[in-house]
Amino acid sequence: MKTGKFAAVSKARFDAVMKAAEHSGLLGEKSKRIGGRISPALIEQAKKHTGIETDTDLIEFALANVALDDNFGSTFRKMQGTVDPDLKLGF
């Protein structure tokens, strides 16, 4: 992946996501083909935003992000008020 001038996704982040996907067994044999009609403006904006230059890398990165999502935000909200206020955290 080459990072573009306006890249919001660093090469390190791209590599970290793809490495995590690989370790999770998500990047095995590439035998599935995907197709669909997508707005060219959406593709170009996503490429500008991420700095990813190829459609394949962009799709793979996007799908890996979705597949690896840990739902931190919703889990964090669900945990609100569940920690004992007398718990000693060492601060």
C-alpha atoms as a PDB file:
ATOM      1  CA  MET A   1       0.000   0.000   0.000  1.00  0.00           C
ATOM      2  CA  LYS A   2       1.253   3.461  -0.837  1.00  0.00           C
ATOM      3  CA  THR A   3       0.040   6.255   1.383  1.00  0.00           C
ATOM      4  CA  GLY A   4      -1.369   9.288  -0.350  1.00  0.00           C
ATOM      5  CA  LYS A   5      -0.835  12.944   0.446  1.00  0.00           C
ATOM      6  CA  PHE A   6      -4.119  13.134   2.372  1.00  0.00           C
ATOM      7  CA  ALA A   7      -3.856   9.696   3.963  1.00  0.00           C
ATOM      8  CA  ALA A   8      -5.599   9.331   7.316  1.00  0.00           C
ATOM      9  CA  VAL A   9      -4.602   5.674   7.584  1.00  0.00           C
ATOM     10  CA  SER A  10      -0.914   5.209   8.198  1.00  0.00           C
ATOM     11  CA  LYS A  11       1.003   2.323   6.705  1.00  0.00           C
ATOM     12  CA  ALA A  12       1.513   1.089  10.266  1.00  0.00           C
ATOM     13  CA  ARG A  13      -2.265   0.970  10.875  1.00  0.00           C
ATOM     14  CA  PHE A  14      -2.889  -0.700   7.527  1.00  0.00           C
ATOM     15  CA  ASP A  15      -0.210  -3.281   8.309  1.00  0.00           C
ATOM     16  CA  ALA A  16      -1.542  -3.815  11.862  1.00  0.00           C
ATOM     17  CA  VAL A  17      -5.112  -4.410  10.667  1.00  0.00           C
ATOM     18  CA  MET A  18      -4.007  -6.767   7.931  1.00  0.00           C
ATOM     19  CA  LYS A  19      -1.658  -8.639  10.286  1.00  0.00           C
ATOM     20  CA  ALA A  20      -4.474  -9.031  12.841  1.00  0.00           C
ATOM     21  CA  ALA A  21      -6.774 -10.311  10.099  1.00  0.00           C
ATOM     22  CA  GLU A  22      -4.095 -12.767   9.013  1.00  0.00           C
ATOM     23  CA  HIS A  23      -3.541 -13.994  12.590  1.00  0.00           C
ATOM     24  CA  SER A  24      -7.303 -14.432  12.943  1.00  0.00           C
ATOM     25  CA  GLY A  25      -7.321 -16.716   9.919  1.00  0.00           C
ATOM     26  CA  LEU A  26      -9.245 -14.229   7.784  1.00  0.00           C
ATOM     27  CA  LEU A  27      -6.699 -13.870   4.979  1.00  0.00           C
ATOM     28  CA  GLY A  28      -6.344 -17.429   3.766  1.00  0.00           C
ATOM     29  CA  GLU A  29      -6.650 -18.498   0.163  1.00  0.00           C
ATOM     30  CA  LYS A  30      -7.988 -15.738  -2.060  1.00  0.00           C
ATOM     31  CA  SER A  31     -10.518 -17.676  -4.097  1.00  0.00           C
ATOM     32  CA  LYS A  32     -13.674 -15.573  -3.583  1.00  0.00           C
ATOM     33  CA  ARG A  33     -14.520 -12.841  -6.046  1.00  0.00           C
ATOM     34  CA  ILE A  34     -16.734  -9.944  -4.987  1.00  0.00           C
ATOM     35  CA  GLY A  35     -18.645  -7.594  -7.228  1.00  0.00           C
ATOM     36  CA  GLY A  36     -21.114  -4.807  -6.871  1.00  0.00           C
ATOM     37  CA  ARG A  37     -22.051  -1.401  -8.134  1.00  0.00           C
ATOM     38  CA  ILE A  38     -20.372   1.321  -6.095  1.00  0.00           C
ATOM     39  CA  SER A  39     -20.415   5.077  -6.547  1.00  0.00           C
ATOM     40  CA  PRO A  40     -17.090   6.192  -8.065  1.00  0.00           C
ATOM     41  CA  ALA A  41     -17.190   9.211  -5.733  1.00  0.00           C
ATOM     42  CA  LEU A  42     -17.369   6.878  -2.706  1.00  0.00           C
ATOM     43  CA  ILE A  43     -14.392   4.848  -3.911  1.00  0.00           C
ATOM     44  CA  GLU A  44     -12.295   7.926  -4.689  1.00  0.00           C
ATOM     45  CA  GLN A  45     -13.093   9.586  -1.346  1.00  0.00           C
ATOM     46  CA  ALA A  46     -12.239   6.390   0.538  1.00  0.00           C
ATOM     47  CA  LYS A  47      -8.950   6.142  -1.349  1.00  0.00           C
ATOM     48  CA  LYS A  48      -8.130   9.799  -0.609  1.00  0.00           C
ATOM     49  CA  HIS A  49      -9.071   9.377   3.048  1.00  0.00           C
ATOM     50  CA  THR A  50      -7.038   6.208   3.545  1.00  0.00           C
ATOM     51  CA  GLY A  51      -4.243   6.643   1.030  1.00  0.00           C
ATOM     52  CA  ILE A  52      -4.946   3.152  -0.287  1.00  0.00           C
ATOM     53  CA  GLU A  53      -4.523   3.147  -4.046  1.00  0.00           C
ATOM     54  CA  THR A  54      -5.979  -0.149  -5.287  1.00  0.00           C
ATOM     55  CA  ASP A  55      -9.595  -1.286  -5.161  1.00  0.00           C
ATOM     56  CA  THR A  56      -8.542  -4.709  -3.896  1.00  0.00           C
ATOM     57  CA  ASP A  57      -6.500  -3.327  -0.986  1.00  0.00           C
ATOM     58  CA  LEU A  58      -9.289  -0.878  -0.128  1.00  0.00           C
ATOM     59  CA  ILE A  59     -11.959  -3.591  -0.060  1.00  0.00           C
ATOM     60  CA  GLU A  60      -9.745  -5.984   1.892  1.00  0.00           C
ATOM     61  CA  PHE A  61      -8.838  -3.304   4.456  1.00  0.00           C
ATOM     62  CA  ALA A  62     -12.486  -2.227   4.857  1.00  0.00           C
ATOM     63  CA  LEU A  63     -13.704  -5.809   5.288  1.00  0.00           C
ATOM     64  CA  ALA A  64     -10.896  -6.587   7.754  1.00  0.00           C
ATOM     65  CA  ASN A  65     -11.874  -3.541   9.827  1.00  0.00           C
ATOM     66  CA  VAL A  66     -15.483  -4.712   9.963  1.00  0.00           C
ATOM     67  CA  ALA A  67     -14.545  -8.330  10.695  1.00  0.00           C
ATOM     68  CA  LEU A  68     -12.137  -7.380  13.487  1.00  0.00           C
ATOM     69  CA  ASP A  69     -14.400  -4.787  15.154  1.00  0.00           C
ATOM     70  CA  ASP A  70     -14.494  -5.534  18.881  1.00  0.00           C
ATOM     71  CA  ASN A  71     -17.595  -3.401  19.571  1.00  0.00           C
ATOM     72  CA  PHE A  72     -15.639  -1.460  22.210  1.00  0.00           C
ATOM     73  CA  GLY A  73     -18.061   1.477  22.278  1.00  0.00           C
ATOM     74  CA  SER A  74     -21.222  -0.519  22.917  1.00  0.00           C
ATOM     75  CA  THR A  75     -19.455  -2.847  25.357  1.00  0.00           C
ATOM     76  CA  PHE A  76     -18.060   0.143  27.265  1.00  0.00           C
ATOM     77  CA  ARG A  77     -21.543   1.693  27.527  1.00  0.00           C
ATOM     78  CA  LYS A  78     -23.025  -1.603  28.764  1.00  0.00           C
ATOM     79  CA  MET A  79     -20.373  -1.778  31.503  1.00  0.00           C
ATOM     80  CA  GLN A  80     -21.231   1.688  32.891  1.00  0.00           C
ATOM     81  CA  GLY A  81     -21.889   1.462  36.613  1.00  0.00           C
ATOM     82  CA  THR A  82     -20.806  -2.189  36.931  1.00  0.00           C
ATOM     83  CA  VAL A  83     -17.391  -1.602  38.536  1.00  0.00           C
ATOM     84  CA  ASP A  84     -17.408  -1.562  42.329  1.00  0.00           C
ATOM     85  CA  PRO A  85     -16.736   2.062  43.391  1.00  0.00           C
ATOM     86  CA  ASP A  86     -14.638   0.760  46.331  1.00  0.00           C
ATOM     87  CA  LEU A  87     -12.275  -1.098  43.990  1.00  0.00           C
ATOM     88  CA  LYS A  88      -8.660   0.019  44.614  1.00  0.00           C
ATOM     89  CA  LEU A  89      -7.091   0.895  41.276  1.00  0.00           C
ATOM     90  CA  GLY A  90      -3.743   2.049  42.650  1.00  0.00           C
ATOM     91  CA  PHE A  91      -4.100   5.712  41.745  1.00  0.00           C
END
